[in-house]
């Protein structure tokens, strides 16, 4: 399992169990996963705002990447620019982000 997936699963656990994101928790996540406090807080907020549907996410990593790409595209970024932004944010490749976004969208199509 990738570090990003573990990181997102950890944040998901915090939100699902209604645990607060205090300075100590942020420091622990920053030390363990090497993510910035701003990114940790931003992702925690995304998950907290969608707390009621978290149990239905099969792949939290793909869902979060898709959510951020979609949000960036709504701010007039191209798909290329949005996927590059997310790849930089998570310190991974653009190709990986594109694959995960496609996976997320494909699983959504199966549901509808």
N, C-alpha and C. Protein backbone atom coordinates (compact mmCIF):
# COMPACT_ATOMS: atom_id res chain seq x y z
N UNK A 1 0.85 -1.17 0.00
CA UNK A 1 0.00 0.00 0.00
C UNK A 1 0.90 1.23 0.00
N UNK A 2 0.53 2.21 -0.80
CA UNK A 2 1.36 3.41 -0.92
C UNK A 2 1.23 4.28 0.33
N UNK A 3 2.24 5.11 0.54
CA UNK A 3 2.22 6.03 1.67
C UNK A 3 1.03 6.98 1.59
N UNK A 4 0.70 7.44 0.38
CA UNK A 4 -0.43 8.34 0.23
C UNK A 4 -1.73 7.67 0.63
N UNK A 5 -1.90 6.42 0.26
CA UNK A 5 -3.12 5.69 0.63
C UNK A 5 -3.17 5.51 2.14
N UNK A 6 -2.05 5.15 2.75
CA UNK A 6 -2.02 5.00 4.21
C UNK A 6 -2.34 6.33 4.89
N UNK A 7 -1.78 7.40 4.37
CA UNK A 7 -2.01 8.74 4.90
C UNK A 7 -3.50 9.09 4.83
N UNK A 8 -4.11 8.86 3.67
CA UNK A 8 -5.53 9.17 3.51
C UNK A 8 -6.41 8.26 4.35
N UNK A 9 -6.04 7.01 4.49
CA UNK A 9 -6.78 6.09 5.36
C UNK A 9 -6.71 6.55 6.81
N UNK A 10 -5.57 7.06 7.22
CA UNK A 10 -5.40 7.57 8.58
C UNK A 10 -6.31 8.78 8.82
N UNK A 11 -6.34 9.70 7.86
CA UNK A 11 -7.22 10.86 7.96
C UNK A 11 -8.69 10.43 7.97
N UNK A 12 -9.02 9.47 7.13
CA UNK A 12 -10.39 8.95 7.08
C UNK A 12 -10.78 8.36 8.44
N UNK A 13 -9.88 7.63 9.05
CA UNK A 13 -10.12 7.04 10.37
C UNK A 13 -10.40 8.14 11.41
N UNK A 14 -9.61 9.20 11.38
CA UNK A 14 -9.81 10.31 12.31
C UNK A 14 -11.20 10.92 12.16
N UNK A 15 -11.60 11.14 10.91
CA UNK A 15 -12.89 11.77 10.64
C UNK A 15 -14.03 10.82 11.02
N UNK A 16 -13.94 9.57 10.61
CA UNK A 16 -15.02 8.61 10.91
C UNK A 16 -15.23 8.43 12.40
N UNK A 17 -14.15 8.53 13.16
CA UNK A 17 -14.25 8.36 14.61
C UNK A 17 -14.36 9.68 15.35
N UNK A 18 -14.60 10.73 14.59
CA UNK A 18 -14.81 12.08 15.13
C UNK A 18 -13.69 12.52 16.07
N UNK A 19 -12.47 12.19 15.69
CA UNK A 19 -11.29 12.62 16.45
C UNK A 19 -10.82 13.97 15.91
N UNK A 20 -10.47 14.85 16.81
CA UNK A 20 -10.09 16.19 16.36
C UNK A 20 -8.68 16.19 15.76
N UNK A 21 -8.47 17.16 14.94
CA UNK A 21 -7.17 17.34 14.30
C UNK A 21 -6.46 18.46 15.06
N UNK A 22 -5.80 18.08 16.13
CA UNK A 22 -5.08 19.08 16.93
C UNK A 22 -3.62 19.14 16.52
N UNK A 23 -2.89 20.02 17.15
CA UNK A 23 -1.48 20.23 16.80
C UNK A 23 -0.65 18.95 16.95
N UNK A 24 -0.93 18.18 18.00
CA UNK A 24 -0.20 16.93 18.22
C UNK A 24 -0.44 15.94 17.08
N UNK A 25 -1.68 15.79 16.67
CA UNK A 25 -2.03 14.86 15.58
C UNK A 25 -1.39 15.32 14.28
N UNK A 26 -1.45 16.62 14.01
CA UNK A 26 -0.83 17.16 12.80
C UNK A 26 0.67 16.88 12.80
N UNK A 27 1.32 17.10 13.94
CA UNK A 27 2.76 16.83 14.04
C UNK A 27 3.07 15.36 13.80
N UNK A 28 2.25 14.48 14.35
CA UNK A 28 2.45 13.04 14.16
C UNK A 28 2.30 12.65 12.69
N UNK A 29 1.25 13.16 12.04
CA UNK A 29 1.03 12.86 10.63
C UNK A 29 2.15 13.44 9.76
N UNK A 30 2.58 14.64 10.11
CA UNK A 30 3.66 15.29 9.36
C UNK A 30 4.95 14.48 9.48
N UNK A 31 5.24 14.02 10.67
CA UNK A 31 6.46 13.23 10.89
C UNK A 31 6.38 11.87 10.19
N UNK A 32 5.23 11.21 10.30
CA UNK A 32 5.09 9.87 9.74
C UNK A 32 5.01 9.86 8.21
N UNK A 33 4.30 10.84 7.64
CA UNK A 33 4.05 10.81 6.21
C UNK A 33 4.76 11.90 5.42
N UNK A 34 5.37 12.86 6.10
CA UNK A 34 6.11 13.92 5.42
C UNK A 34 5.22 14.90 4.66
N UNK A 35 4.00 15.08 5.13
CA UNK A 35 3.07 16.01 4.48
C UNK A 35 3.04 17.32 5.25
N UNK A 36 2.74 18.39 4.55
CA UNK A 36 2.69 19.71 5.19
C UNK A 36 1.44 19.83 6.05
N UNK A 37 1.52 20.64 7.12
CA UNK A 37 0.35 20.87 7.95
C UNK A 37 -0.83 21.44 7.15
N UNK A 38 -0.54 22.27 6.18
CA UNK A 38 -1.60 22.85 5.34
C UNK A 38 -2.33 21.74 4.57
N UNK A 39 -1.58 20.81 3.96
CA UNK A 39 -2.19 19.71 3.21
C UNK A 39 -3.00 18.81 4.14
N UNK A 40 -2.45 18.51 5.30
CA UNK A 40 -3.16 17.67 6.27
C UNK A 40 -4.49 18.30 6.65
N UNK A 41 -4.46 19.58 6.96
CA UNK A 41 -5.68 20.29 7.35
C UNK A 41 -6.68 20.36 6.21
N UNK A 42 -6.18 20.65 5.01
CA UNK A 42 -7.05 20.75 3.84
C UNK A 42 -7.75 19.42 3.56
N UNK A 43 -7.02 18.33 3.59
CA UNK A 43 -7.60 17.02 3.32
C UNK A 43 -8.55 16.58 4.43
N UNK A 44 -8.20 16.90 5.67
CA UNK A 44 -9.09 16.60 6.79
C UNK A 44 -10.43 17.30 6.60
N UNK A 45 -10.39 18.55 6.16
CA UNK A 45 -11.62 19.32 5.92
C UNK A 45 -12.46 18.69 4.80
N UNK A 46 -11.81 18.27 3.73
CA UNK A 46 -12.54 17.62 2.63
C UNK A 46 -13.26 16.38 3.15
N UNK A 47 -12.55 15.57 3.92
CA UNK A 47 -13.15 14.35 4.46
C UNK A 47 -14.24 14.66 5.48
N UNK A 48 -14.01 15.66 6.32
CA UNK A 48 -15.01 16.03 7.33
C UNK A 48 -16.28 16.55 6.67
N UNK A 49 -16.13 17.30 5.59
CA UNK A 49 -17.29 17.82 4.87
C UNK A 49 -18.09 16.73 4.18
N UNK A 50 -17.46 15.59 3.96
CA UNK A 50 -18.11 14.46 3.28
C UNK A 50 -18.22 13.24 4.21
N UNK A 51 -18.26 13.49 5.50
CA UNK A 51 -18.22 12.43 6.50
C UNK A 51 -19.33 11.39 6.33
N UNK A 52 -20.51 11.81 5.96
CA UNK A 52 -21.65 10.88 5.87
C UNK A 52 -21.48 9.86 4.75
N UNK A 53 -20.69 10.17 3.73
CA UNK A 53 -20.52 9.23 2.62
C UNK A 53 -19.18 8.49 2.66
N UNK A 54 -18.36 8.76 3.66
CA UNK A 54 -17.05 8.09 3.76
C UNK A 54 -17.14 6.56 3.76
N UNK A 55 -18.10 5.96 4.45
CA UNK A 55 -18.15 4.49 4.43
C UNK A 55 -18.36 3.88 3.04
N UNK A 56 -18.83 4.69 2.10
CA UNK A 56 -19.11 4.18 0.76
C UNK A 56 -17.92 4.32 -0.20
N UNK A 57 -16.84 4.92 0.27
CA UNK A 57 -15.65 5.06 -0.57
C UNK A 57 -14.88 3.74 -0.57
N UNK A 58 -14.82 3.10 -1.75
CA UNK A 58 -14.06 1.86 -1.86
C UNK A 58 -12.57 2.13 -1.87
N UNK A 59 -12.17 3.17 -2.56
CA UNK A 59 -10.76 3.52 -2.68
C UNK A 59 -10.62 5.00 -2.35
N UNK A 60 -10.28 5.28 -1.11
CA UNK A 60 -10.20 6.66 -0.64
C UNK A 60 -9.19 7.46 -1.46
N UNK A 61 -8.11 6.83 -1.84
CA UNK A 61 -7.07 7.51 -2.62
C UNK A 61 -7.62 7.98 -3.97
N UNK A 62 -8.25 7.10 -4.70
CA UNK A 62 -8.81 7.45 -6.01
C UNK A 62 -9.89 8.51 -5.87
N UNK A 63 -10.71 8.39 -4.85
CA UNK A 63 -11.80 9.34 -4.64
C UNK A 63 -11.28 10.73 -4.33
N UNK A 64 -10.29 10.82 -3.47
CA UNK A 64 -9.73 12.13 -3.11
C UNK A 64 -9.04 12.76 -4.31
N UNK A 65 -8.26 11.99 -5.05
CA UNK A 65 -7.59 12.53 -6.24
C UNK A 65 -8.63 13.06 -7.23
N UNK A 66 -9.68 12.28 -7.46
CA UNK A 66 -10.74 12.69 -8.38
C UNK A 66 -11.42 13.96 -7.88
N UNK A 67 -11.68 14.04 -6.60
CA UNK A 67 -12.33 15.21 -6.01
C UNK A 67 -11.49 16.47 -6.22
N UNK A 68 -10.20 16.37 -5.95
CA UNK A 68 -9.32 17.54 -6.08
C UNK A 68 -9.14 17.92 -7.54
N UNK A 69 -8.98 16.94 -8.43
CA UNK A 69 -8.87 17.23 -9.86
C UNK A 69 -10.13 17.95 -10.34
N UNK A 70 -11.28 17.44 -9.95
CA UNK A 70 -12.55 18.05 -10.34
C UNK A 70 -12.66 19.48 -9.81
N UNK A 71 -12.26 19.67 -8.57
CA UNK A 71 -12.30 21.01 -7.97
C UNK A 71 -11.37 21.97 -8.70
N UNK A 72 -10.18 21.52 -9.04
CA UNK A 72 -9.22 22.36 -9.76
C UNK A 72 -9.73 22.69 -11.16
N UNK A 73 -10.37 21.73 -11.81
CA UNK A 73 -10.91 21.98 -13.15
C UNK A 73 -12.06 22.97 -13.10
N UNK A 74 -12.79 23.00 -12.00
CA UNK A 74 -13.88 23.96 -11.86
C UNK A 74 -13.34 25.39 -11.71
N UNK A 75 -12.06 25.49 -11.41
CA UNK A 75 -11.40 26.80 -11.30
C UNK A 75 -10.62 27.12 -12.57
N UNK A 76 -11.12 26.56 -13.67
CA UNK A 76 -10.63 26.83 -15.02
C UNK A 76 -9.22 26.29 -15.31
N UNK A 77 -8.82 25.24 -14.60
CA UNK A 77 -7.60 24.54 -14.96
C UNK A 77 -7.95 23.46 -15.97
N UNK A 78 -7.00 23.13 -16.81
CA UNK A 78 -7.20 22.01 -17.74
C UNK A 78 -7.04 20.70 -16.97
N UNK A 79 -7.47 19.61 -17.58
CA UNK A 79 -7.31 18.30 -16.95
C UNK A 79 -5.82 18.03 -16.71
N UNK A 80 -5.00 18.38 -17.69
CA UNK A 80 -3.55 18.20 -17.55
C UNK A 80 -3.04 18.99 -16.35
N UNK A 81 -3.42 20.25 -16.27
CA UNK A 81 -2.97 21.10 -15.17
C UNK A 81 -3.46 20.61 -13.82
N UNK A 82 -4.70 20.16 -13.78
CA UNK A 82 -5.28 19.68 -12.52
C UNK A 82 -4.60 18.39 -12.05
N UNK A 83 -4.34 17.47 -12.98
CA UNK A 83 -3.67 16.23 -12.58
C UNK A 83 -2.22 16.48 -12.19
N UNK A 84 -1.58 17.43 -12.85
CA UNK A 84 -0.21 17.79 -12.49
C UNK A 84 -0.18 18.42 -11.09
N UNK A 85 -1.15 19.26 -10.80
CA UNK A 85 -1.26 19.90 -9.49
C UNK A 85 -1.39 18.84 -8.39
N UNK A 86 -2.27 17.87 -8.60
CA UNK A 86 -2.49 16.81 -7.61
C UNK A 86 -1.24 15.93 -7.48
N UNK A 87 -0.59 15.64 -8.59
CA UNK A 87 0.63 14.85 -8.54
C UNK A 87 1.70 15.56 -7.71
N UNK A 88 1.85 16.85 -7.90
CA UNK A 88 2.81 17.63 -7.11
C UNK A 88 2.41 17.66 -5.64
N UNK A 89 1.12 17.79 -5.39
CA UNK A 89 0.61 17.86 -4.02
C UNK A 89 0.93 16.59 -3.25
N UNK A 90 0.82 15.45 -3.92
CA UNK A 90 1.03 14.15 -3.27
C UNK A 90 2.39 13.53 -3.59
N UNK A 91 3.23 14.28 -4.25
CA UNK A 91 4.58 13.82 -4.58
C UNK A 91 4.57 12.45 -5.28
N UNK A 92 3.79 12.40 -6.36
CA UNK A 92 3.70 11.19 -7.16
C UNK A 92 3.67 11.59 -8.63
N UNK A 93 3.47 10.63 -9.51
CA UNK A 93 3.48 10.94 -10.94
C UNK A 93 2.10 11.31 -11.44
N UNK A 94 2.09 12.09 -12.50
CA UNK A 94 0.84 12.49 -13.12
C UNK A 94 0.11 11.27 -13.69
N UNK A 95 0.86 10.34 -14.23
CA UNK A 95 0.26 9.12 -14.79
C UNK A 95 -0.49 8.34 -13.70
N UNK A 96 0.10 8.25 -12.52
CA UNK A 96 -0.55 7.55 -11.41
C UNK A 96 -1.86 8.24 -11.04
N UNK A 97 -1.84 9.56 -10.98
CA UNK A 97 -3.04 10.32 -10.66
C UNK A 97 -4.11 10.08 -11.72
N UNK A 98 -3.73 10.14 -13.00
CA UNK A 98 -4.70 9.91 -14.08
C UNK A 98 -5.32 8.52 -13.96
N UNK A 99 -4.53 7.51 -13.67
CA UNK A 99 -5.04 6.14 -13.53
C UNK A 99 -6.02 6.04 -12.37
N UNK A 100 -5.69 6.66 -11.24
CA UNK A 100 -6.57 6.61 -10.08
C UNK A 100 -7.87 7.38 -10.33
N UNK A 101 -7.78 8.51 -11.02
CA UNK A 101 -8.98 9.29 -11.35
C UNK A 101 -9.87 8.49 -12.29
N UNK A 102 -9.28 7.87 -13.29
CA UNK A 102 -10.05 7.02 -14.21
C UNK A 102 -10.70 5.86 -13.48
N UNK A 103 -9.98 5.28 -12.55
CA UNK A 103 -10.51 4.18 -11.74
C UNK A 103 -11.71 4.66 -10.93
N UNK A 104 -11.60 5.82 -10.33
CA UNK A 104 -12.69 6.38 -9.53
C UNK A 104 -13.91 6.66 -10.41
N UNK A 105 -13.70 7.25 -11.54
CA UNK A 105 -14.81 7.59 -12.44
C UNK A 105 -15.46 6.34 -13.02
N UNK A 106 -14.64 5.33 -13.30
CA UNK A 106 -15.17 4.08 -13.84
C UNK A 106 -16.05 3.38 -12.80
N UNK A 107 -15.63 3.38 -11.55
CA UNK A 107 -16.43 2.74 -10.51
C UNK A 107 -17.73 3.51 -10.27
N UNK A 108 -17.72 4.82 -10.46
CA UNK A 108 -18.94 5.62 -10.33
C UNK A 108 -19.92 5.30 -11.46
N UNK A 109 -19.40 5.04 -12.66
CA UNK A 109 -20.26 4.71 -13.80
C UNK A 109 -20.95 3.37 -13.58
N UNK A 110 -20.27 2.44 -12.93
CA UNK A 110 -20.86 1.12 -12.66
C UNK A 110 -22.04 1.25 -11.71
N UNK A 111 -21.94 2.21 -10.79
CA UNK A 111 -23.01 2.40 -9.80
C UNK A 111 -24.25 2.99 -10.46
N UNK A 112 -24.06 3.94 -11.38
CA UNK A 112 -25.22 4.60 -11.98
C UNK A 112 -25.84 3.85 -13.11
